[in-house]
Protein backbone atom coordinates (compact mmCIF):
# COMPACT_ATOMS: atom_id res chain seq x y z
CA MET A 1 104.84 75.96 105.64
CA ALA A 2 106.05 77.98 102.65
CA GLU A 3 109.18 76.29 101.20
CA LYS A 4 112.43 78.53 100.91
CA HIS A 5 113.91 79.70 97.84
CA ASP A 6 117.64 80.74 98.17
CA PHE A 7 117.25 83.11 94.85
CA TRP A 8 113.64 84.10 94.60
CA ASP A 9 113.33 84.94 98.41
CA THR A 10 115.72 87.91 97.39
CA GLN A 11 113.96 89.25 94.55
CA PRO A 12 111.34 92.05 94.13
CA VAL A 13 108.32 89.35 93.38
CA VAL A 14 105.47 88.34 95.71
CA LYS A 15 106.21 85.75 97.93
CA PHE A 16 104.31 82.68 98.21
CA LEU A 17 101.64 82.89 100.74
CA ALA A 18 102.46 86.12 101.56
CA LYS A 19 100.10 88.95 103.35
CA GLN A 20 98.61 90.84 100.57
CA PRO A 21 99.50 94.75 100.53
CA GLU A 22 97.15 96.73 102.35
CA LYS A 23 97.18 99.35 99.15
CA ASP A 24 98.16 99.36 95.39
CA CYS A 25 101.84 99.85 95.28
CA ALA A 26 105.10 98.47 93.97
CA ILE A 27 106.27 95.28 95.51
CA ASP A 28 109.75 96.59 96.03
CA LYS A 29 109.18 100.29 97.56
CA ASN A 30 110.93 103.06 95.49
CA GLU A 31 114.40 103.12 96.91
CA CYS A 32 116.93 106.02 96.54
CA THR A 33 118.74 105.32 92.85
CA GLU A 34 121.98 106.59 94.77
CA LYS A 35 121.83 103.44 96.68
CA ILE A 36 121.95 101.18 93.61
CA GLN A 37 125.38 99.61 92.48
CA LYS A 38 126.56 101.61 89.89
CA GLU A 39 129.06 98.91 88.26
CA PRO A 40 126.99 95.57 86.46
CA PHE A 41 127.01 92.21 88.43
CA ALA A 42 130.48 90.03 88.45
CA LEU A 43 129.74 87.56 85.73
CA PRO A 44 131.89 83.98 85.44
CA ALA A 45 135.50 84.09 84.18
CA GLY A 46 135.56 84.23 80.80
CA PHE A 47 132.19 86.13 80.38
CA GLU A 48 131.36 90.18 79.53
CA TRP A 49 128.20 92.12 79.67
CA VAL A 50 127.16 93.82 76.45
CA THR A 51 124.40 96.15 75.62
CA LEU A 52 122.83 95.44 72.36
CA ASP A 53 121.41 97.95 70.20
CA ILE A 54 118.22 96.30 68.55
CA THR A 55 118.09 98.83 65.55
CA ASN A 56 121.83 97.54 64.80
CA ASP A 57 121.13 94.74 61.87
CA SER A 58 124.01 92.65 63.65
CA ASP A 59 122.49 93.22 66.89
CA ALA A 60 119.08 92.34 66.13
CA GLU A 61 120.56 89.26 64.08
CA LYS A 62 122.44 87.89 67.29
CA ILE A 63 119.19 88.43 69.47
CA PHE A 64 117.45 86.37 67.10
CA LYS A 65 120.03 83.51 66.43
CA LEU A 66 120.11 83.09 70.27
CA LEU A 67 116.59 83.11 70.90
CA ARG A 68 116.11 80.68 67.89
CA GLU A 69 118.31 78.20 68.71
CA HIS A 70 118.45 78.39 72.68
CA TYR A 71 114.70 80.01 73.82
CA VAL A 72 111.66 77.67 74.35
CA GLU A 73 111.43 74.37 73.26
CA ASP A 74 110.05 71.02 73.48
CA GLU A 75 111.77 68.09 75.36
CA GLU A 76 112.45 66.72 71.94
CA GLY A 77 113.75 70.07 70.37
CA LEU A 78 111.08 69.59 67.57
CA MET A 79 108.91 72.75 68.45
CA ARG A 80 110.21 76.03 69.58
CA PHE A 81 109.52 79.97 69.20
CA ASP A 82 110.71 81.54 66.22
CA TYR A 83 110.61 85.10 66.25
CA PRO A 84 111.41 86.77 63.09
CA VAL A 85 113.56 90.20 63.63
CA GLU A 86 110.97 92.34 62.75
CA LEU A 87 108.72 90.88 65.74
CA ILE A 88 111.61 90.82 68.18
CA ARG A 89 112.22 94.65 67.31
CA TRP A 90 108.79 95.38 67.55
CA VAL A 91 108.33 94.04 71.30
CA LEU A 92 111.67 95.44 72.30
CA GLN A 93 111.11 99.07 70.64
CA VAL A 94 108.16 100.15 72.65
CA PRO A 95 107.50 104.00 72.77
CA GLY A 96 110.33 105.13 75.38
CA TYR A 97 112.42 102.04 75.38
CA ILE A 98 115.60 101.91 77.39
CA GLN A 99 118.46 100.42 75.22
CA ASP A 100 120.54 99.77 78.41
CA TRP A 101 117.49 97.54 79.16
CA HIS A 102 118.59 95.07 76.20
CA VAL A 103 121.20 92.96 78.28
CA GLY A 104 123.79 90.37 76.72
CA VAL A 105 126.46 88.33 77.79
CA LYS A 106 129.38 86.96 75.44
CA ALA A 107 132.37 85.19 75.82
CA THR A 108 135.26 87.70 76.59
CA GLY A 109 136.98 88.55 73.37
CA LYS A 110 134.07 86.94 71.11
CA ASP A 111 131.62 88.33 69.22
CA GLY A 112 128.51 85.77 69.52
CA LEU A 113 125.67 86.48 71.79
CA LEU A 114 125.64 83.43 74.51
CA ALA A 115 122.77 84.73 77.16
CA PHE A 116 120.03 87.64 76.83
CA ILE A 117 117.37 89.23 78.98
CA SER A 118 115.25 92.49 78.13
CA GLY A 119 113.05 94.71 79.89
CA THR A 120 110.50 97.22 78.28
CA PRO A 121 109.05 100.29 80.30
CA ARG A 122 105.58 100.29 80.90
CA LYS A 123 102.96 102.30 83.05
CA VAL A 124 100.35 100.52 84.86
CA GLN A 125 97.36 101.83 86.45
CA CYS A 126 96.27 99.96 89.59
CA ASN A 127 93.13 101.55 90.67
CA GLU A 128 94.18 105.41 91.15
CA ASN A 129 97.87 104.41 91.31
CA VAL A 130 99.97 104.69 88.28
CA LEU A 131 103.07 102.69 88.59
CA ARG A 132 106.06 102.86 86.43
CA VAL A 133 107.21 99.27 85.83
CA SER A 134 109.54 97.02 83.36
CA VAL A 135 108.51 94.24 81.64
CA VAL A 136 111.24 91.27 81.63
CA ASN A 137 111.21 89.26 78.68
CA PHE A 138 113.11 86.58 76.58
CA LEU A 139 115.39 85.49 79.61
CA CYS A 140 117.67 83.28 77.24
CA VAL A 141 120.94 81.16 78.08
CA HIS A 142 122.98 79.10 75.78
CA LYS A 143 122.16 75.51 76.28
CA LYS A 144 125.49 74.54 76.86
CA LEU A 145 126.01 77.12 79.68
CA ARG A 146 123.00 76.70 81.80
CA SER A 147 125.35 74.87 84.62
CA LYS A 148 126.98 78.26 84.86
CA LYS A 149 124.13 79.88 86.64
CA LEU A 150 123.73 82.95 84.26
CA ALA A 151 120.07 83.44 84.61
CA PRO A 152 120.10 84.47 88.15
CA ILE A 153 122.72 87.32 87.38
CA LEU A 154 120.98 88.63 84.46
CA ILE A 155 117.71 88.64 86.46
CA LYS A 156 119.69 90.95 89.00
CA GLU A 157 121.52 92.86 86.70
CA ILE A 158 118.37 93.70 84.63
CA THR A 159 116.80 94.63 87.95
CA ARG A 160 119.38 96.74 89.08
CA ARG A 161 119.62 98.48 85.42
CA CYS A 162 115.86 99.19 85.72
CA ASN A 163 116.49 100.38 89.64
CA LEU A 164 118.99 103.03 88.21
CA HIS A 165 116.21 104.65 86.09
CA ASN A 166 113.87 104.88 89.04
CA VAL A 167 111.76 101.65 88.13
CA TRP A 168 111.22 99.23 90.83
């Protein structure tokens, strides 16, 4: 019997032990963009959304600092990813990138970045079908805020923003 996942069972991902689709297609069938919520998802009190401009040195530095201090690391905190700003820009500025898919969270009235998630557009060919998709990357939440359950909200928000661009 498959284990129930309160969050992942609601997301556009292949479900564990799910029957394989009969044809090559998107996991979520293309919906009507008019049905997508226009306003961002609510954040806990004291936090607000920010869309970052990777071409802006200040925004790029905020992303770099958050990822350097709070992205993937080992249990002892000795080894971690330390992506230079140039690499982050290269990853996020693919041809046709969408700035609205560079999503951050900050404390209300403050300037520092506390969480980040990004999406980059891609076209994927699956047999004869060409699908517009997004690659979601750099999901990062400040270590002290991980109990606030920001990661699921970030995932839902990047999905909403991609759907608004008719990417499913």
